[in-house]
Amino acid sequence: MDYKKSKAPVNTQTRNIMDLCEETGNIYESVVIIAKRANQISSEIKQDLTKKLAEFASYNDSLEEVFENREQIEISRYYEKLPKPSLLATQEFVEGNIYYRDPAKENNNDELL
């Protein structure tokens, strides 16, 4: 996923709590869903960054030699300018792009039948 094309804000925004709990009916449940998605996004971004930086890695055991690679710096700056994973996850949740389910609620519904 290209996170740069996301409509998520780069800076923190104040949000109405009632808008966040509208879908789940519980603000705490909404926050847990957003937090879990933010962790997923964070790990995806980290894997992408690690994979791209590994292309430029030099495996020298010399501590005295430090190379500045212009491509590595540009890649790092690109990832630094991305919105934070929590902001991306919140935007996805508000837009309704996150699929979630609660197995505990599904089991309770089966027992009632």
Protein backbone atom coordinates (compact mmCIF):
# COMPACT_ATOMS: atom_id res chain seq x y z
CA MET A 1 0.00 0.00 0.00
CA ASP A 2 1.27 3.45 -0.87
CA TYR A 3 0.88 5.39 2.34
CA LYS A 4 1.93 8.66 0.71
CA LYS A 5 -1.30 8.69 -1.30
CA SER A 6 -3.40 8.34 1.84
CA LYS A 7 -5.63 11.24 2.84
CA ALA A 8 -4.47 10.92 6.44
CA PRO A 9 -3.22 14.16 7.97
CA VAL A 10 0.47 14.48 8.76
CA ASN A 11 -0.26 16.32 12.01
CA THR A 12 -2.54 15.35 14.85
CA GLN A 13 -6.18 16.39 14.54
CA THR A 14 -8.82 16.76 17.19
CA ARG A 15 -11.65 14.33 16.52
CA ASN A 16 -15.14 14.00 17.92
CA ILE A 17 -15.28 10.95 20.17
CA MET A 18 -18.88 10.27 19.19
CA ASP A 19 -17.84 9.93 15.54
CA LEU A 20 -15.25 7.30 16.46
CA CYS A 21 -17.62 5.20 18.57
CA GLU A 22 -20.49 5.47 16.09
CA GLU A 23 -19.67 2.22 14.29
CA THR A 24 -18.86 0.04 17.31
CA GLY A 25 -20.98 1.71 19.98
CA ASN A 26 -18.02 1.78 22.35
CA ILE A 27 -15.12 4.24 22.25
CA TYR A 28 -12.74 1.77 23.91
CA GLU A 29 -13.47 -0.89 21.33
CA SER A 30 -12.86 1.64 18.57
CA VAL A 31 -9.54 2.65 20.10
CA VAL A 32 -8.44 -1.00 20.35
CA ILE A 33 -9.33 -1.58 16.69
CA ILE A 34 -7.40 1.53 15.64
CA ALA A 35 -4.40 0.56 17.80
CA LYS A 36 -4.22 -2.96 16.36
CA ARG A 37 -4.40 -1.61 12.82
CA ALA A 38 -1.71 0.97 13.63
CA ASN A 39 0.56 -1.86 14.80
CA GLN A 40 -0.04 -3.69 11.51
CA ILE A 41 0.72 -0.56 9.48
CA SER A 42 3.83 0.12 11.53
CA SER A 43 5.21 -3.36 10.93
CA GLU A 44 4.46 -3.09 7.19
CA ILE A 45 6.27 0.24 6.96
CA LYS A 46 9.23 -1.12 8.92
CA GLN A 47 9.50 -4.16 6.64
CA ASP A 48 9.38 -1.94 3.55
CA LEU A 49 12.03 0.39 4.94
CA THR A 50 14.30 -2.46 6.01
CA LYS A 51 13.97 -4.11 2.60
CA LYS A 52 14.81 -0.89 0.74
CA LEU A 53 17.74 -0.01 3.00
CA ALA A 54 19.13 -3.56 2.76
CA GLU A 55 19.82 -2.95 -0.93
CA PHE A 56 22.41 -0.34 0.03
CA ALA A 57 23.94 -2.18 2.97
CA SER A 58 27.68 -2.72 2.97
CA TYR A 59 28.95 -5.53 5.13
CA ASN A 60 32.31 -4.25 6.30
CA ASP A 61 33.57 -5.00 9.78
CA SER A 62 35.52 -1.78 9.95
CA LEU A 63 34.12 0.64 12.49
CA GLU A 64 36.24 3.50 11.21
CA GLU A 65 34.67 3.68 7.77
CA VAL A 66 31.25 5.27 7.64
CA PHE A 67 29.72 5.84 4.26
CA GLU A 68 26.92 8.29 3.61
CA ASN A 69 24.79 7.02 0.81
CA ARG A 70 22.57 9.66 -0.77
CA GLU A 71 19.90 7.09 -1.71
CA GLN A 72 19.66 5.82 1.86
CA ILE A 73 19.22 9.35 3.14
CA GLU A 74 16.46 10.08 0.61
CA ILE A 75 14.63 6.85 1.47
CA SER A 76 14.84 7.64 5.18
CA ARG A 77 13.51 11.16 4.62
CA TYR A 78 10.61 9.80 2.59
CA TYR A 79 9.58 7.51 5.45
CA GLU A 80 10.04 10.28 8.03
CA LYS A 81 7.56 12.49 6.15
CA LEU A 82 4.84 9.84 6.07
CA PRO A 83 1.89 10.19 8.44
CA LYS A 84 2.25 8.25 11.68
CA PRO A 85 0.69 4.75 11.69
CA SER A 86 -1.88 5.81 14.29
CA LEU A 87 -3.06 8.64 12.03
CA LEU A 88 -3.25 6.28 9.04
CA ALA A 89 -5.23 3.74 11.07
CA THR A 90 -7.62 6.40 12.38
CA GLN A 91 -8.25 7.64 8.85
CA GLU A 92 -8.94 4.10 7.65
CA PHE A 93 -11.33 3.54 10.55
CA VAL A 94 -13.23 6.78 9.89
CA GLU A 95 -13.53 5.92 6.19
CA GLY A 96 -14.76 2.42 7.06
CA ASN A 97 -11.85 0.61 5.40
CA ILE A 98 -10.99 -1.61 8.37
CA TYR A 99 -12.55 -5.05 8.67
CA TYR A 100 -12.86 -6.26 12.23
CA ARG A 101 -14.85 -8.81 14.16
CA ASP A 102 -15.31 -9.78 17.79
CA PRO A 103 -15.32 -13.56 18.29
CA ALA A 104 -16.72 -13.15 21.82
CA LYS A 105 -19.81 -11.40 20.47
CA GLU A 106 -20.21 -14.00 17.73
CA ASN A 107 -20.09 -16.84 20.30
CA ASN A 108 -22.65 -15.09 22.52
CA ASN A 109 -25.05 -14.76 19.58
CA ASP A 110 -24.71 -18.47 18.81
CA GLU A 111 -25.50 -19.40 22.42
CA LEU A 112 -28.66 -17.29 22.40
CA LEU A 113 -30.11 -19.17 19.45
